[in-house]
Amino acid sequence: MMNFKQKQLTEEFFQVLKIKFPEVELIDITPSPEDPDDLWLNITAPPEEEREFELMDMASERTADILQEYGYSILVMPTRNQVFHA
């Protein structure tokens, strides 16, 4: 379960991502299956691969800062929508 500070940090973090990458949407925030104390910020991936690389560069810097400053591990998990055909 997310505590108040984790909720605040993930919401602020997503808002910063959204400013630079307006095409991404928040899917949900879930605990990692490997460690429930770690959080996954599940978002839609930008349509262009280069934008996704830029997003991951920015996210890795910010998540490292959060880990160092607050001790919370947050991972950004961009997901592409998959279309299944019958």
C-alpha atoms as a PDB file:
ATOM      1  CA  MET A   1       0.000   0.000   0.000  1.00  0.00           C
ATOM      2  CA  MET A   2       1.232   3.450  -0.915  1.00  0.00           C
ATOM      3  CA  ASN A   3       1.864   5.926   1.870  1.00  0.00           C
ATOM      4  CA  PHE A   4       1.103   9.648   1.667  1.00  0.00           C
ATOM      5  CA  LYS A   5       4.626  10.668   0.593  1.00  0.00           C
ATOM      6  CA  GLN A   6       4.818   7.984  -2.119  1.00  0.00           C
ATOM      7  CA  LYS A   7       1.446   9.120  -3.461  1.00  0.00           C
ATOM      8  CA  GLN A   8       2.586  12.743  -3.459  1.00  0.00           C
ATOM      9  CA  LEU A   9       5.895  11.921  -5.186  1.00  0.00           C
ATOM     10  CA  THR A  10       4.313   9.757  -7.898  1.00  0.00           C
ATOM     11  CA  GLU A  11       1.607  12.333  -8.646  1.00  0.00           C
ATOM     12  CA  GLU A  12       4.145  15.168  -8.856  1.00  0.00           C
ATOM     13  CA  PHE A  13       6.471  13.020 -10.952  1.00  0.00           C
ATOM     14  CA  PHE A  14       3.721  12.175 -13.439  1.00  0.00           C
ATOM     15  CA  GLN A  15       2.746  15.855 -13.737  1.00  0.00           C
ATOM     16  CA  VAL A  16       6.359  16.721 -14.632  1.00  0.00           C
ATOM     17  CA  LEU A  17       6.413  13.905 -17.224  1.00  0.00           C
ATOM     18  CA  LYS A  18       3.090  15.076 -18.643  1.00  0.00           C
ATOM     19  CA  ILE A  19       4.430  18.603 -19.236  1.00  0.00           C
ATOM     20  CA  LYS A  20       7.323  17.344 -21.376  1.00  0.00           C
ATOM     21  CA  PHE A  21       5.424  14.365 -22.837  1.00  0.00           C
ATOM     22  CA  PRO A  22       1.761  15.419 -23.181  1.00  0.00           C
ATOM     23  CA  GLU A  23       0.991  12.333 -25.260  1.00  0.00           C
ATOM     24  CA  VAL A  24       1.456   9.940 -22.315  1.00  0.00           C
ATOM     25  CA  GLU A  25      -1.379   8.921 -20.012  1.00  0.00           C
ATOM     26  CA  LEU A  26      -1.301   7.417 -16.554  1.00  0.00           C
ATOM     27  CA  ILE A  27      -2.629   3.856 -16.557  1.00  0.00           C
ATOM     28  CA  ASP A  28      -2.131   3.120 -12.870  1.00  0.00           C
ATOM     29  CA  ILE A  29       0.371   2.917 -10.047  1.00  0.00           C
ATOM     30  CA  THR A  30       1.053  -0.587  -8.763  1.00  0.00           C
ATOM     31  CA  PRO A  31       3.433  -2.253  -6.334  1.00  0.00           C
ATOM     32  CA  SER A  32       6.211  -4.239  -7.959  1.00  0.00           C
ATOM     33  CA  PRO A  33       5.519  -7.990  -7.950  1.00  0.00           C
ATOM     34  CA  GLU A  34       9.120  -8.502  -6.804  1.00  0.00           C
ATOM     35  CA  ASP A  35       9.020  -6.022  -3.909  1.00  0.00           C
ATOM     36  CA  PRO A  36       5.748  -4.450  -2.757  1.00  0.00           C
ATOM     37  CA  ASP A  37       7.692  -1.458  -1.372  1.00  0.00           C
ATOM     38  CA  ASP A  38       8.735  -0.532  -4.932  1.00  0.00           C
ATOM     39  CA  LEU A  39       6.184   1.248  -7.102  1.00  0.00           C
ATOM     40  CA  TRP A  40       5.567   0.980 -10.817  1.00  0.00           C
ATOM     41  CA  LEU A  41       4.236   4.062 -12.567  1.00  0.00           C
ATOM     42  CA  ASN A  42       2.438   2.437 -15.509  1.00  0.00           C
ATOM     43  CA  ILE A  43       1.975   4.880 -18.377  1.00  0.00           C
ATOM     44  CA  THR A  44       1.219   4.749 -22.074  1.00  0.00           C
ATOM     45  CA  ALA A  45       4.351   4.891 -24.204  1.00  0.00           C
ATOM     46  CA  PRO A  46       4.884   7.773 -26.617  1.00  0.00           C
ATOM     47  CA  PRO A  47       4.105   6.715 -30.193  1.00  0.00           C
ATOM     48  CA  GLU A  48       7.624   7.468 -31.441  1.00  0.00           C
ATOM     49  CA  GLU A  49      10.491   5.324 -30.217  1.00  0.00           C
ATOM     50  CA  GLU A  50      12.835   8.312 -29.954  1.00  0.00           C
ATOM     51  CA  ARG A  51      10.358  10.074 -27.633  1.00  0.00           C
ATOM     52  CA  GLU A  52      10.204   6.944 -25.499  1.00  0.00           C
ATOM     53  CA  PHE A  53      14.008   6.990 -25.166  1.00  0.00           C
ATOM     54  CA  GLU A  54      13.852  10.659 -24.133  1.00  0.00           C
ATOM     55  CA  LEU A  55      11.137   9.850 -21.605  1.00  0.00           C
ATOM     56  CA  MET A  56      13.156   7.001 -20.112  1.00  0.00           C
ATOM     57  CA  ASP A  57      16.263   9.208 -19.847  1.00  0.00           C
ATOM     58  CA  MET A  58      14.307  11.870 -18.001  1.00  0.00           C
ATOM     59  CA  ALA A  59      12.515   9.308 -15.835  1.00  0.00           C
ATOM     60  CA  SER A  60      15.710   7.505 -14.841  1.00  0.00           C
ATOM     61  CA  GLU A  61      17.274  10.743 -13.614  1.00  0.00           C
ATOM     62  CA  ARG A  62      14.206  11.698 -11.586  1.00  0.00           C
ATOM     63  CA  THR A  63      13.644   8.227 -10.120  1.00  0.00           C
ATOM     64  CA  ALA A  64      17.305   8.125  -9.041  1.00  0.00           C
ATOM     65  CA  ASP A  65      16.815  11.498  -7.327  1.00  0.00           C
ATOM     66  CA  ILE A  66      13.682  10.240  -5.541  1.00  0.00           C
ATOM     67  CA  LEU A  67      15.480   7.093  -4.396  1.00  0.00           C
ATOM     68  CA  GLN A  68      18.443   9.077  -3.102  1.00  0.00           C
ATOM     69  CA  GLU A  69      16.393  11.847  -1.452  1.00  0.00           C
ATOM     70  CA  TYR A  70      13.477   9.847  -0.042  1.00  0.00           C
ATOM     71  CA  GLY A  71      14.460   6.177  -0.202  1.00  0.00           C
ATOM     72  CA  TYR A  72      11.512   5.215  -2.425  1.00  0.00           C
ATOM     73  CA  SER A  73      12.050   3.143  -5.547  1.00  0.00           C
ATOM     74  CA  ILE A  74       9.725   4.186  -8.367  1.00  0.00           C
ATOM     75  CA  LEU A  75       9.986   2.697 -11.843  1.00  0.00           C
ATOM     76  CA  VAL A  76       8.358   4.140 -14.948  1.00  0.00           C
ATOM     77  CA  MET A  77       6.844   1.379 -17.075  1.00  0.00           C
ATOM     78  CA  PRO A  78       5.762   2.659 -20.509  1.00  0.00           C
ATOM     79  CA  THR A  79       3.323   0.318 -22.227  1.00  0.00           C
ATOM     80  CA  ARG A  80       2.235   0.259 -25.835  1.00  0.00           C
ATOM     81  CA  ASN A  81      -1.403  -0.478 -26.549  1.00  0.00           C
ATOM     82  CA  GLN A  82      -1.613  -3.857 -28.197  1.00  0.00           C
ATOM     83  CA  VAL A  83      -4.352  -4.618 -30.673  1.00  0.00           C
ATOM     84  CA  PHE A  84      -5.423  -8.225 -30.973  1.00  0.00           C
ATOM     85  CA  HIS A  85      -7.106  -9.394 -34.161  1.00  0.00           C
ATOM     86  CA  ALA A  86      -9.476 -12.353 -34.166  1.00  0.00           C
END
